């Protein structure tokens, strides 16, 4: 539908290198590209918001490529919100981004437009002209104040639309995820010993421990099977 209305489809892609050097950028403006020991961060301000999902659920995709990263897994966050994680090889080939604050803003804009259109429909119904302003105004003409209230609500939605349609700057941060340290991974996990755990259990003064009947039945069953 977007192509049929005339505008060219939105193109958005960013291609960087692990050395924090910009290669290609389309559909957005990059600033503050800064390298760090475990990744880097940068700010993006888009030329336009991503398109809303189509009726069949297809969303706009954006491609972020980052080449020459050290082997490992990296997580992308936007404005502090985790968005995507992938290996260095996957980032080098390009990772599709189909959600994030830009998409949230686009959806918020769509909802405000729907609400503004709904208010405009209620305000502009033909019955309003007939019963409030024309030859039957003697019946409902006193409702003209309601039309003025609709106009104020519509103007408020127009202000929201003007604010939401402007892309905002967002902070992108790519951080290398450390593997779980080998020295913290148990070599073996022993099977639980219920009898030893009960024997080692210490009940605080003033309290007592009661066993359930089914616990006694289970103990008798285990003794019989042994």
N, C-alpha and C. Protein backbone atom coordinates (compact mmCIF):
# COMPACT_ATOMS: atom_id res chain seq x y z
N UNK A 1 0.83 -1.19 0.00
CA UNK A 1 0.00 0.00 0.00
C UNK A 1 0.88 1.26 0.00
N UNK A 2 1.98 1.21 0.75
CA UNK A 2 2.88 2.36 0.80
C UNK A 2 3.40 2.70 -0.59
N UNK A 3 3.75 1.65 -1.38
CA UNK A 3 4.25 1.89 -2.73
C UNK A 3 3.17 2.48 -3.61
N UNK A 4 1.91 2.04 -3.41
CA UNK A 4 0.83 2.55 -4.22
C UNK A 4 0.50 4.01 -3.95
N UNK A 5 0.80 4.48 -2.76
CA UNK A 5 0.52 5.87 -2.41
C UNK A 5 1.61 6.81 -2.90
N UNK A 6 2.73 6.26 -3.36
CA UNK A 6 3.73 7.14 -3.96
C UNK A 6 5.07 7.20 -3.28
N UNK A 7 5.15 7.30 -1.93
CA UNK A 7 6.46 7.47 -1.30
C UNK A 7 7.32 6.23 -1.43
N UNK A 8 8.60 6.44 -1.50
CA UNK A 8 9.51 5.31 -1.58
C UNK A 8 9.55 4.58 -0.24
N UNK A 9 9.70 3.25 -0.27
CA UNK A 9 9.80 2.49 0.99
C UNK A 9 10.97 3.00 1.83
N UNK A 10 10.76 2.99 3.14
CA UNK A 10 11.80 3.46 4.04
C UNK A 10 13.00 2.51 4.01
N UNK A 11 14.18 3.07 3.81
CA UNK A 11 15.40 2.27 3.84
C UNK A 11 16.19 2.65 5.09
N UNK A 12 16.51 1.65 5.89
CA UNK A 12 17.25 1.90 7.12
C UNK A 12 18.27 0.80 7.29
N UNK A 13 19.53 1.16 7.27
CA UNK A 13 20.58 0.19 7.59
C UNK A 13 21.80 0.94 8.09
N UNK A 14 22.49 0.29 9.00
CA UNK A 14 23.71 0.84 9.58
C UNK A 14 24.76 -0.25 9.52
N UNK A 15 25.93 0.08 8.97
CA UNK A 15 27.04 -0.87 8.87
C UNK A 15 28.25 -0.25 9.55
N UNK A 16 28.69 -0.90 10.64
CA UNK A 16 29.83 -0.43 11.41
C UNK A 16 30.89 -1.53 11.46
N UNK A 17 32.02 -1.18 12.04
CA UNK A 17 33.06 -2.18 12.29
C UNK A 17 33.35 -2.23 13.78
N UNK A 18 33.99 -3.30 14.18
CA UNK A 18 34.33 -3.46 15.58
C UNK A 18 35.26 -2.39 16.10
N UNK A 19 35.94 -1.70 15.21
CA UNK A 19 36.83 -0.61 15.61
C UNK A 19 36.07 0.70 15.79
N UNK A 20 34.73 0.62 15.79
CA UNK A 20 33.88 1.80 15.97
C UNK A 20 34.10 2.82 14.87
N UNK A 21 34.16 2.33 13.63
CA UNK A 21 34.30 3.23 12.49
C UNK A 21 33.07 3.07 11.60
N UNK A 22 32.38 4.16 11.29
CA UNK A 22 31.20 4.10 10.46
C UNK A 22 31.56 3.70 9.04
N UNK A 23 30.80 2.77 8.48
CA UNK A 23 31.01 2.36 7.09
C UNK A 23 29.90 2.93 6.22
N UNK A 24 28.68 2.54 6.46
CA UNK A 24 27.54 3.09 5.71
C UNK A 24 26.36 3.29 6.66
N UNK A 25 25.62 4.35 6.37
CA UNK A 25 24.41 4.65 7.14
C UNK A 25 23.35 5.13 6.17
N UNK A 26 22.13 4.61 6.30
CA UNK A 26 21.03 5.02 5.46
C UNK A 26 19.77 5.14 6.30
N UNK A 27 19.02 6.21 6.11
CA UNK A 27 17.76 6.39 6.80
C UNK A 27 17.88 6.92 8.21
N UNK A 28 19.08 7.22 8.65
CA UNK A 28 19.29 7.72 10.00
C UNK A 28 20.58 8.51 10.05
N UNK A 29 20.79 9.20 11.15
CA UNK A 29 22.00 9.98 11.37
C UNK A 29 22.69 9.46 12.61
N UNK A 30 23.99 9.21 12.53
CA UNK A 30 24.74 8.66 13.65
C UNK A 30 25.60 9.75 14.28
N UNK A 31 25.74 9.67 15.59
CA UNK A 31 26.56 10.64 16.32
C UNK A 31 27.12 9.97 17.57
N UNK A 32 28.23 10.50 18.05
CA UNK A 32 28.79 10.03 19.31
C UNK A 32 29.27 8.60 19.30
N UNK A 33 29.78 8.12 18.16
CA UNK A 33 30.27 6.74 18.08
C UNK A 33 31.53 6.61 18.93
N UNK A 34 31.45 5.82 19.99
CA UNK A 34 32.53 5.72 20.96
C UNK A 34 32.81 4.26 21.26
N UNK A 35 34.09 3.87 21.17
CA UNK A 35 34.50 2.50 21.46
C UNK A 35 34.73 2.32 22.95
N UNK A 36 34.51 1.10 23.44
CA UNK A 36 34.76 0.72 24.82
C UNK A 36 35.44 -0.64 24.82
N UNK A 37 36.06 -1.05 25.93
CA UNK A 37 36.77 -2.34 25.95
C UNK A 37 35.90 -3.53 25.56
N UNK A 38 34.61 -3.50 25.92
CA UNK A 38 33.75 -4.65 25.64
C UNK A 38 32.67 -4.34 24.61
N UNK A 39 32.82 -3.27 23.83
CA UNK A 39 31.84 -2.92 22.81
C UNK A 39 31.92 -1.45 22.47
N UNK A 40 30.81 -0.85 22.13
CA UNK A 40 30.77 0.59 21.88
C UNK A 40 29.33 1.07 21.91
N UNK A 41 29.17 2.38 21.89
CA UNK A 41 27.83 2.95 21.89
C UNK A 41 27.79 4.12 20.91
N UNK A 42 26.57 4.47 20.48
CA UNK A 42 26.38 5.56 19.53
C UNK A 42 24.93 6.01 19.60
N UNK A 43 24.66 7.19 19.07
CA UNK A 43 23.30 7.74 19.03
C UNK A 43 22.79 7.75 17.60
N UNK A 44 21.53 7.42 17.43
CA UNK A 44 20.89 7.45 16.11
C UNK A 44 19.64 8.32 16.16
N UNK A 45 19.49 9.15 15.15
CA UNK A 45 18.26 9.94 14.97
C UNK A 45 17.73 9.64 13.57
N UNK A 46 16.61 8.97 13.51
CA UNK A 46 16.07 8.51 12.22
C UNK A 46 15.49 9.66 11.41
N UNK A 47 15.50 9.47 10.09
CA UNK A 47 14.87 10.45 9.21
C UNK A 47 13.35 10.38 9.29
N UNK A 48 12.82 9.18 9.53
CA UNK A 48 11.38 9.01 9.68
C UNK A 48 11.14 7.80 10.57
N UNK A 49 9.95 7.70 11.12
CA UNK A 49 9.61 6.57 11.96
C UNK A 49 9.39 5.32 11.11
N UNK A 50 9.61 4.14 11.68
CA UNK A 50 9.31 2.92 10.92
C UNK A 50 7.82 2.80 10.65
N UNK A 51 7.49 2.15 9.55
CA UNK A 51 6.08 1.98 9.20
C UNK A 51 5.40 1.05 10.19
N UNK A 52 4.11 1.27 10.39
CA UNK A 52 3.33 0.40 11.28
C UNK A 52 3.17 -0.97 10.64
N UNK A 53 2.94 -2.01 11.46
CA UNK A 53 2.74 -3.34 10.89
C UNK A 53 1.59 -3.38 9.91
N UNK A 54 1.74 -4.20 8.88
CA UNK A 54 0.67 -4.37 7.90
C UNK A 54 -0.44 -5.22 8.51
N UNK A 55 -1.64 -5.28 7.88
CA UNK A 55 -2.73 -6.08 8.44
C UNK A 55 -2.38 -7.54 8.65
N UNK A 56 -1.45 -8.08 7.85
CA UNK A 56 -1.07 -9.47 8.03
C UNK A 56 0.08 -9.64 9.02
N UNK A 57 0.43 -8.58 9.73
CA UNK A 57 1.42 -8.69 10.79
C UNK A 57 2.86 -8.46 10.38
N UNK A 58 3.12 -8.13 9.12
CA UNK A 58 4.48 -7.91 8.66
C UNK A 58 4.95 -6.54 9.12
N UNK A 59 6.11 -6.50 9.77
CA UNK A 59 6.65 -5.24 10.29
C UNK A 59 7.85 -4.80 9.47
N UNK A 60 8.16 -3.53 9.58
CA UNK A 60 9.36 -3.01 8.93
C UNK A 60 10.59 -3.60 9.61
N UNK A 61 11.59 -3.90 8.83
CA UNK A 61 12.83 -4.44 9.40
C UNK A 61 13.97 -3.48 9.10
N UNK A 62 14.86 -3.39 10.07
CA UNK A 62 16.04 -2.57 9.93
C UNK A 62 17.23 -3.48 10.12
N UNK A 63 18.28 -3.22 9.38
CA UNK A 63 19.44 -4.10 9.43
C UNK A 63 20.63 -3.37 10.04
N UNK A 64 21.17 -3.96 11.08
CA UNK A 64 22.37 -3.44 11.72
C UNK A 64 23.49 -4.46 11.52
N UNK A 65 24.55 -4.04 10.82
CA UNK A 65 25.71 -4.90 10.57
C UNK A 65 26.91 -4.31 11.30
N UNK A 66 27.62 -5.20 12.00
CA UNK A 66 28.82 -4.79 12.73
C UNK A 66 29.90 -5.83 12.46
N UNK A 67 30.89 -5.44 11.69
CA UNK A 67 31.94 -6.37 11.28
C UNK A 67 33.15 -6.27 12.20
N UNK A 68 34.01 -7.29 12.11
CA UNK A 68 35.31 -7.31 12.78
C UNK A 68 35.20 -7.30 14.29
N UNK A 69 34.14 -7.88 14.84
CA UNK A 69 34.05 -8.03 16.28
C UNK A 69 34.88 -9.21 16.74
N UNK A 70 35.38 -9.14 17.95
CA UNK A 70 36.06 -10.28 18.54
C UNK A 70 35.04 -11.41 18.73
N UNK A 71 35.49 -12.67 18.62
CA UNK A 71 34.55 -13.79 18.79
C UNK A 71 33.81 -13.69 20.12
N UNK A 72 32.56 -14.06 20.10
CA UNK A 72 31.75 -14.02 21.31
C UNK A 72 30.33 -13.64 20.98
N UNK A 73 29.56 -13.43 22.01
CA UNK A 73 28.16 -13.05 21.84
C UNK A 73 27.98 -11.63 22.35
N UNK A 74 27.19 -10.83 21.62
CA UNK A 74 27.01 -9.42 21.94
C UNK A 74 25.53 -9.09 22.05
N UNK A 75 25.22 -8.21 22.98
CA UNK A 75 23.84 -7.78 23.19
C UNK A 75 23.69 -6.31 22.80
N UNK A 76 22.63 -6.02 22.05
CA UNK A 76 22.31 -4.64 21.67
C UNK A 76 21.20 -4.13 22.58
N UNK A 77 21.44 -2.96 23.16
CA UNK A 77 20.43 -2.28 23.96
C UNK A 77 20.16 -0.91 23.34
N UNK A 78 18.91 -0.49 23.41
CA UNK A 78 18.52 0.84 22.93
C UNK A 78 17.87 1.56 24.10
N UNK A 79 18.46 2.68 24.48
CA UNK A 79 17.98 3.45 25.64
C UNK A 79 17.89 2.57 26.89
N UNK A 80 18.87 1.66 27.02
CA UNK A 80 18.92 0.81 28.20
C UNK A 80 18.04 -0.42 28.14
N UNK A 81 17.26 -0.61 27.07
CA UNK A 81 16.37 -1.75 26.94
C UNK A 81 17.01 -2.79 26.01
N UNK A 82 17.17 -4.02 26.51
CA UNK A 82 17.77 -5.08 25.71
C UNK A 82 16.87 -5.38 24.51
N UNK A 83 17.47 -5.38 23.31
CA UNK A 83 16.71 -5.56 22.08
C UNK A 83 17.04 -6.87 21.39
N UNK A 84 18.34 -7.17 21.25
CA UNK A 84 18.75 -8.33 20.46
C UNK A 84 20.12 -8.77 20.91
N UNK A 85 20.36 -10.07 20.88
CA UNK A 85 21.70 -10.59 21.13
C UNK A 85 22.03 -11.58 20.02
N UNK A 86 23.29 -11.58 19.62
CA UNK A 86 23.73 -12.44 18.53
C UNK A 86 25.24 -12.62 18.62
N UNK A 87 25.74 -13.60 17.88
CA UNK A 87 27.16 -13.84 17.87
C UNK A 87 27.86 -12.82 16.97
N UNK A 88 29.18 -12.76 17.09
CA UNK A 88 29.96 -11.84 16.26
C UNK A 88 29.74 -12.13 14.78
N UNK A 89 29.65 -13.41 14.43
CA UNK A 89 29.43 -13.78 13.03
C UNK A 89 28.06 -13.32 12.55
N UNK A 90 27.05 -13.46 13.40
CA UNK A 90 25.70 -13.03 13.02
C UNK A 90 25.63 -11.51 12.87
N UNK A 91 26.31 -10.78 13.75
CA UNK A 91 26.33 -9.33 13.59
C UNK A 91 27.03 -8.93 12.30
N UNK A 92 28.08 -9.68 11.93
CA UNK A 92 28.82 -9.35 10.71
C UNK A 92 27.95 -9.53 9.46
N UNK A 93 27.03 -10.50 9.49
CA UNK A 93 26.15 -10.73 8.35
C UNK A 93 24.94 -9.80 8.37
N UNK A 94 24.66 -9.20 9.51
CA UNK A 94 23.52 -8.28 9.62
C UNK A 94 22.38 -8.88 10.43
N UNK A 95 21.93 -8.16 11.43
CA UNK A 95 20.83 -8.61 12.28
C UNK A 95 19.64 -7.68 12.06
N UNK A 96 18.47 -8.28 11.82
CA UNK A 96 17.25 -7.51 11.58
C UNK A 96 16.69 -7.03 12.91
N UNK A 97 16.33 -5.76 12.97
CA UNK A 97 15.71 -5.16 14.14
C UNK A 97 14.26 -4.84 13.81
N UNK A 98 13.34 -5.47 14.52
CA UNK A 98 11.92 -5.25 14.22
C UNK A 98 11.13 -4.79 15.43
N UNK A 99 11.82 -4.36 16.48
CA UNK A 99 11.13 -3.80 17.64
C UNK A 99 12.11 -2.90 18.38
N UNK A 100 11.57 -2.06 19.23
CA UNK A 100 12.39 -1.09 19.95
C UNK A 100 11.63 0.20 20.15
N UNK A 101 12.25 1.20 20.76
CA UNK A 101 11.54 2.45 21.06
C UNK A 101 11.03 3.18 19.82
N UNK A 102 11.74 3.06 18.68
CA UNK A 102 11.24 3.71 17.46
C UNK A 102 9.92 3.10 17.03
N UNK A 103 9.83 1.77 17.12
CA UNK A 103 8.58 1.08 16.76
C UNK A 103 7.48 1.42 17.76
N UNK A 104 7.84 1.54 19.03
CA UNK A 104 6.84 1.91 20.05
C UNK A 104 6.29 3.31 19.77
N UNK A 105 7.15 4.23 19.38
CA UNK A 105 6.69 5.59 19.06
C UNK A 105 5.79 5.58 17.84
N UNK A 106 6.14 4.77 16.84
CA UNK A 106 5.32 4.68 15.63
C UNK A 106 3.93 4.13 15.96
N UNK A 107 3.87 3.14 16.84
CA UNK A 107 2.57 2.58 17.22
C UNK A 107 1.77 3.59 18.04
N UNK A 108 2.45 4.33 18.93
CA UNK A 108 1.75 5.36 19.70
C UNK A 108 1.16 6.42 18.77
N UNK A 109 1.91 6.80 17.74
CA UNK A 109 1.42 7.76 16.75
C UNK A 109 0.19 7.20 16.03
N UNK A 110 0.24 5.95 15.65
CA UNK A 110 -0.89 5.34 14.94
C UNK A 110 -2.15 5.34 15.80
N UNK A 111 -1.99 5.02 17.09
CA UNK A 111 -3.15 4.99 17.97
C UNK A 111 -3.75 6.37 18.17
N UNK A 112 -2.91 7.40 18.25
CA UNK A 112 -3.42 8.76 18.41
C UNK A 112 -4.17 9.19 17.14
N UNK A 113 -3.66 8.81 15.97
CA UNK A 113 -4.34 9.14 14.72
C UNK A 113 -5.71 8.47 14.67
N UNK A 114 -5.78 7.21 15.08
CA UNK A 114 -7.06 6.51 15.11
C UNK A 114 -8.04 7.20 16.04
N UNK A 115 -7.57 7.61 17.21
CA UNK A 115 -8.45 8.29 18.17
C UNK A 115 -8.90 9.64 17.63
N UNK A 116 -7.98 10.39 16.99
CA UNK A 116 -8.37 11.68 16.42
C UNK A 116 -9.41 11.50 15.33
N UNK A 117 -9.25 10.49 14.48
CA UNK A 117 -10.21 10.23 13.41
C UNK A 117 -11.57 9.84 13.99
N UNK A 118 -11.55 9.09 15.10
CA UNK A 118 -12.82 8.69 15.72
C UNK A 118 -13.56 9.92 16.25
N UNK A 119 -12.83 10.81 16.90
CA UNK A 119 -13.45 12.04 17.40
C UNK A 119 -13.99 12.90 16.25
N UNK A 120 -13.23 12.98 15.15
CA UNK A 120 -13.66 13.78 14.01
C UNK A 120 -14.94 13.19 13.40
N UNK A 121 -15.03 11.84 13.37
CA UNK A 121 -16.23 11.20 12.84
C UNK A 121 -17.45 11.57 13.69
N UNK A 122 -17.30 11.46 15.02
CA UNK A 122 -18.43 11.79 15.89
C UNK A 122 -18.82 13.26 15.77
N UNK A 123 -17.84 14.12 15.59
CA UNK A 123 -18.12 15.55 15.50
C UNK A 123 -18.79 15.92 14.17
N UNK A 124 -18.45 15.20 13.10
CA UNK A 124 -18.88 15.60 11.75
C UNK A 124 -20.01 14.75 11.19
N UNK A 125 -20.69 13.99 12.01
CA UNK A 125 -21.80 13.17 11.49
C UNK A 125 -22.88 14.07 10.89
N UNK A 126 -23.49 13.66 9.77
CA UNK A 126 -24.53 14.49 9.13
C UNK A 126 -25.67 14.83 10.07
N UNK A 127 -25.99 13.92 11.00
CA UNK A 127 -27.08 14.20 11.93
C UNK A 127 -26.80 15.44 12.77
N UNK A 128 -25.52 15.67 13.06
CA UNK A 128 -25.18 16.86 13.86
C UNK A 128 -25.56 18.13 13.12
N UNK A 129 -25.26 18.18 11.83
CA UNK A 129 -25.60 19.37 11.05
C UNK A 129 -27.10 19.57 11.01
N UNK A 130 -27.85 18.47 10.82
CA UNK A 130 -29.30 18.58 10.68
C UNK A 130 -29.97 19.01 11.98
N UNK A 131 -29.60 18.33 13.08
CA UNK A 131 -30.31 18.54 14.34
C UNK A 131 -29.76 19.68 15.17
N UNK A 132 -28.51 20.09 14.91
CA UNK A 132 -27.91 21.11 15.77
C UNK A 132 -27.82 22.46 15.07
N UNK A 133 -27.56 22.46 13.74
CA UNK A 133 -27.31 23.72 13.06
C UNK A 133 -28.36 24.07 12.01
N UNK A 134 -29.11 23.11 11.46
CA UNK A 134 -30.00 23.40 10.34
C UNK A 134 -31.46 23.41 10.77
N UNK A 135 -32.32 22.87 9.92
CA UNK A 135 -33.76 23.12 10.10
C UNK A 135 -34.37 22.40 11.30
N UNK A 136 -33.61 21.52 11.99
CA UNK A 136 -34.16 20.88 13.18
C UNK A 136 -33.41 21.30 14.45
N UNK A 137 -32.76 22.45 14.33
CA UNK A 137 -31.98 22.90 15.48
C UNK A 137 -32.88 23.27 16.66
N UNK A 138 -34.16 23.49 16.41
CA UNK A 138 -35.07 23.79 17.52
C UNK A 138 -35.20 22.60 18.47
N UNK A 139 -34.84 21.38 17.96
CA UNK A 139 -34.94 20.19 18.80
C UNK A 139 -33.65 19.94 19.59
N UNK A 140 -32.52 20.06 18.94
CA UNK A 140 -31.24 19.70 19.58
C UNK A 140 -30.20 20.81 19.50
N UNK A 141 -30.60 21.99 19.17
CA UNK A 141 -29.62 23.06 19.01
C UNK A 141 -28.82 23.35 20.26
N UNK A 142 -29.37 23.02 21.42
CA UNK A 142 -28.66 23.29 22.66
C UNK A 142 -27.42 22.43 22.82
N UNK A 143 -27.25 21.43 21.92
CA UNK A 143 -26.06 20.57 21.99
C UNK A 143 -24.86 21.16 21.25
N UNK A 144 -24.99 22.39 20.77
CA UNK A 144 -23.87 22.97 20.02
C UNK A 144 -22.60 23.07 20.88
N UNK A 145 -22.77 23.20 22.19
CA UNK A 145 -21.61 23.24 23.08
C UNK A 145 -20.81 21.94 23.02
N UNK A 146 -21.50 20.83 22.79
CA UNK A 146 -20.81 19.54 22.70
C UNK A 146 -19.89 19.51 21.48
N UNK A 147 -20.31 20.12 20.39
CA UNK A 147 -19.48 20.17 19.20
C UNK A 147 -18.20 20.96 19.48
N UNK A 148 -18.32 22.03 20.24
CA UNK A 148 -17.13 22.81 20.59
C UNK A 148 -16.17 21.98 21.44
N UNK A 149 -16.72 21.14 22.28
CA UNK A 149 -15.85 20.28 23.09
C UNK A 149 -15.13 19.26 22.21
N UNK A 150 -15.83 18.74 21.20
CA UNK A 150 -15.17 17.83 20.26
C UNK A 150 -14.02 18.54 19.54
N UNK A 151 -14.26 19.79 19.14
CA UNK A 151 -13.20 20.54 18.44
C UNK A 151 -11.96 20.69 19.33
N UNK A 152 -12.16 20.93 20.62
CA UNK A 152 -11.02 21.06 21.53
C UNK A 152 -10.28 19.74 21.67
N UNK A 153 -11.02 18.64 21.75
CA UNK A 153 -10.38 17.32 21.85
C UNK A 153 -9.59 17.00 20.59
N UNK A 154 -10.13 17.34 19.44
CA UNK A 154 -9.45 17.07 18.18
C UNK A 154 -8.18 17.89 18.08
N UNK A 155 -8.24 19.14 18.49
CA UNK A 155 -7.02 19.97 18.47
C UNK A 155 -5.95 19.39 19.39
N UNK A 156 -6.36 18.85 20.53
CA UNK A 156 -5.39 18.21 21.42
C UNK A 156 -4.72 17.01 20.77
N UNK A 157 -5.51 16.19 20.06
CA UNK A 157 -4.93 15.03 19.37
C UNK A 157 -4.00 15.47 18.24
N UNK A 158 -4.34 16.57 17.57
CA UNK A 158 -3.45 17.07 16.51
C UNK A 158 -2.11 17.50 17.10
N UNK A 159 -2.13 18.08 18.30
CA UNK A 159 -0.86 18.45 18.95
C UNK A 159 -0.06 17.21 19.30
N UNK A 160 -0.74 16.17 19.77
CA UNK A 160 -0.04 14.91 20.08
C UNK A 160 0.58 14.31 18.82
N UNK A 161 -0.14 14.38 17.71
CA UNK A 161 0.36 13.84 16.45
C UNK A 161 1.61 14.60 16.00
N UNK A 162 1.56 15.93 16.11
CA UNK A 162 2.71 16.74 15.71
C UNK A 162 3.94 16.41 16.56
N UNK A 163 3.72 16.08 17.82
CA UNK A 163 4.85 15.73 18.71
C UNK A 163 5.38 14.34 18.41
N UNK A 164 4.49 13.38 18.22
CA UNK A 164 4.90 11.99 18.05
C UNK A 164 5.49 11.70 16.68
N UNK A 165 5.17 12.50 15.67
CA UNK A 165 5.65 12.20 14.32
C UNK A 165 7.12 12.54 14.13
N UNK A 166 7.72 13.25 15.08
CA UNK A 166 9.12 13.66 14.96
C UNK A 166 10.01 12.58 15.57
N UNK A 167 10.93 11.97 14.80
CA UNK A 167 11.83 10.95 15.36
C UNK A 167 12.70 11.54 16.47
N UNK A 168 13.00 10.72 17.46
CA UNK A 168 13.81 11.14 18.59
C UNK A 168 15.18 10.46 18.53
N UNK A 169 16.11 11.05 19.23
CA UNK A 169 17.45 10.46 19.32
C UNK A 169 17.43 9.31 20.33
N UNK A 170 18.12 8.22 19.96
CA UNK A 170 18.17 7.05 20.83
C UNK A 170 19.61 6.59 20.98
N UNK A 171 19.94 6.12 22.16
CA UNK A 171 21.28 5.62 22.45
C UNK A 171 21.34 4.09 22.20
N UNK A 172 22.21 3.71 21.28
CA UNK A 172 22.46 2.30 20.98
C UNK A 172 23.75 1.88 21.69
N UNK A 173 23.72 0.70 22.29
CA UNK A 173 24.89 0.21 23.00
C UNK A 173 25.07 -1.28 22.72
N UNK A 174 26.25 -1.64 22.26
CA UNK A 174 26.57 -3.04 21.99
C UNK A 174 27.61 -3.47 23.02
N UNK A 175 27.31 -4.54 23.75
CA UNK A 175 28.18 -5.01 24.82
C UNK A 175 28.41 -6.50 24.65
N UNK A 176 29.67 -6.89 24.81
CA UNK A 176 30.03 -8.31 24.72
C UNK A 176 29.59 -9.01 25.99
N UNK A 177 28.91 -10.14 25.82
CA UNK A 177 28.43 -10.91 26.95
C UNK A 177 29.51 -11.90 27.36
N UNK A 178 29.92 -11.83 28.61
CA UNK A 178 30.95 -12.73 29.11
C UNK A 178 30.38 -14.13 29.29
N UNK A 179 31.18 -15.12 28.92
CA UNK A 179 30.79 -16.51 29.16
C UNK A 179 30.81 -16.78 30.66
N UNK A 180 30.03 -17.74 31.10
CA UNK A 180 30.00 -18.09 32.51
C UNK A 180 31.36 -18.61 32.94
N UNK A 181 32.00 -18.03 33.97
CA UNK A 181 33.36 -18.46 34.35
C UNK A 181 33.42 -19.94 34.70
N UNK A 182 34.43 -20.62 34.17
CA UNK A 182 34.56 -22.06 34.41
C UNK A 182 34.71 -22.36 35.89
N UNK A 183 35.42 -21.49 36.63
CA UNK A 183 35.67 -21.79 38.03
C UNK A 183 34.41 -21.68 38.89
N UNK A 184 33.33 -21.10 38.32
CA UNK A 184 32.09 -20.99 39.07
C UNK A 184 31.08 -22.07 38.69
N UNK A 185 31.42 -22.89 37.73
CA UNK A 185 30.52 -23.96 37.30
C UNK A 185 30.84 -25.23 38.09
N UNK A 186 29.92 -25.78 38.88
CA UNK A 186 30.20 -27.01 39.63
C UNK A 186 30.54 -28.17 38.69
N UNK A 187 31.57 -28.91 39.06
CA UNK A 187 31.94 -30.07 38.25
C UNK A 187 30.90 -31.17 38.35
N UNK A 188 30.30 -31.32 39.53
CA UNK A 188 29.26 -32.33 39.71
C UNK A 188 28.31 -31.85 40.79
N UNK A 189 27.07 -32.21 40.66
CA UNK A 189 26.05 -31.84 41.64
C UNK A 189 25.54 -33.12 42.28
N UNK A 190 25.83 -33.35 43.57
CA UNK A 190 25.42 -34.61 44.20
C UNK A 190 23.90 -34.71 44.31
N UNK A 191 23.43 -35.96 44.31
CA UNK A 191 21.99 -36.19 44.48
C UNK A 191 21.58 -35.80 45.90
N UNK A 192 20.40 -35.26 46.09
CA UNK A 192 19.96 -34.84 47.43
C UNK A 192 19.81 -36.03 48.37
N UNK A 193 20.25 -35.87 49.61
CA UNK A 193 20.12 -36.89 50.66
C UNK A 193 19.14 -36.35 51.69
N UNK A 194 17.89 -36.78 51.61
CA UNK A 194 16.85 -36.23 52.47
C UNK A 194 17.12 -36.54 53.93
N UNK A 195 17.57 -37.75 54.22
CA UNK A 195 17.81 -38.11 55.62
C UNK A 195 18.89 -37.23 56.23
N UNK A 196 19.97 -37.00 55.47
CA UNK A 196 21.05 -36.15 55.99
C UNK A 196 20.59 -34.71 56.15
N UNK A 197 19.76 -34.24 55.24
CA UNK A 197 19.27 -32.88 55.35
C UNK A 197 18.36 -32.71 56.57
N UNK A 198 17.49 -33.71 56.84
CA UNK A 198 16.62 -33.64 58.01
C UNK A 198 17.43 -33.69 59.30
N UNK A 199 18.48 -34.54 59.31
CA UNK A 199 19.31 -34.66 60.50
C UNK A 199 20.07 -33.35 60.78
N UNK A 200 20.48 -32.67 59.72
CA UNK A 200 21.23 -31.43 59.89
C UNK A 200 20.34 -30.22 60.15
N UNK A 201 19.03 -30.40 59.98
CA UNK A 201 18.11 -29.29 60.14
C UNK A 201 18.02 -28.89 61.61
N UNK A 202 18.18 -27.63 61.90
CA UNK A 202 18.09 -27.11 63.26
C UNK A 202 16.86 -26.21 63.36
N UNK A 203 16.01 -26.53 64.35
CA UNK A 203 14.79 -25.78 64.56
C UNK A 203 15.05 -24.73 65.62
N UNK A 204 14.68 -23.51 65.34
CA UNK A 204 14.91 -22.40 66.27
C UNK A 204 14.13 -22.62 67.56
N UNK A 205 14.65 -22.08 68.64
CA UNK A 205 14.03 -22.23 69.95
C UNK A 205 12.62 -21.63 69.93
N UNK A 206 11.70 -22.39 70.50
CA UNK A 206 10.31 -21.93 70.53
C UNK A 206 9.50 -22.43 69.36
N UNK A 207 10.14 -23.13 68.42
CA UNK A 207 9.42 -23.70 67.27
C UNK A 207 9.57 -25.21 67.28
N UNK A 208 8.69 -25.88 66.58
CA UNK A 208 8.79 -27.32 66.41
C UNK A 208 8.45 -27.69 64.97
N UNK A 209 8.99 -28.81 64.53
CA UNK A 209 8.77 -29.26 63.16
C UNK A 209 7.83 -30.45 63.18
N UNK A 210 6.78 -30.39 62.41
CA UNK A 210 5.80 -31.47 62.30
C UNK A 210 5.95 -32.16 60.96
N UNK A 211 5.97 -33.45 60.96
CA UNK A 211 6.04 -34.22 59.72
C UNK A 211 4.63 -34.53 59.26
N UNK A 212 4.44 -34.50 57.96
CA UNK A 212 3.15 -34.84 57.38
C UNK A 212 2.97 -36.36 57.37
N UNK A 213 1.72 -36.81 57.39
CA UNK A 213 1.44 -38.25 57.37
C UNK A 213 2.00 -38.89 56.11
N UNK A 214 1.88 -38.19 54.98
CA UNK A 214 2.37 -38.78 53.73
C UNK A 214 3.88 -38.95 53.75
N UNK A 215 4.59 -38.10 54.54
CA UNK A 215 6.04 -38.29 54.65
C UNK A 215 6.36 -39.61 55.34
N UNK A 216 5.60 -39.92 56.41
CA UNK A 216 5.82 -41.19 57.11
C UNK A 216 5.49 -42.37 56.20
N UNK A 217 4.40 -42.25 55.45
CA UNK A 217 4.02 -43.32 54.52
C UNK A 217 5.12 -43.53 53.47
N UNK A 218 5.68 -42.43 52.95
CA UNK A 218 6.75 -42.55 51.95
C UNK A 218 7.96 -43.20 52.56
N UNK A 219 8.29 -42.85 53.81
CA UNK A 219 9.46 -43.46 54.46
C UNK A 219 9.26 -44.96 54.60
N UNK A 220 8.03 -45.36 55.04
CA UNK A 220 7.74 -46.80 55.20
C UNK A 220 7.81 -47.52 53.86
N UNK A 221 7.35 -46.86 52.81
CA UNK A 221 7.38 -47.48 51.48
C UNK A 221 8.82 -47.68 51.03
N UNK A 222 9.68 -46.68 51.29
CA UNK A 222 11.09 -46.83 50.90
C UNK A 222 11.78 -47.93 51.68
N UNK A 223 11.45 -48.04 53.02
CA UNK A 223 12.05 -49.10 53.81
C UNK A 223 11.61 -50.47 53.33
N UNK A 224 10.32 -50.58 52.96
CA UNK A 224 9.80 -51.88 52.48
C UNK A 224 10.43 -52.28 51.17
N UNK A 225 10.64 -51.29 50.29
CA UNK A 225 11.23 -51.62 48.99
C UNK A 225 12.71 -51.92 49.13
N UNK A 226 13.37 -51.39 50.21
CA UNK A 226 14.80 -51.63 50.38
C UNK A 226 15.07 -53.00 50.93
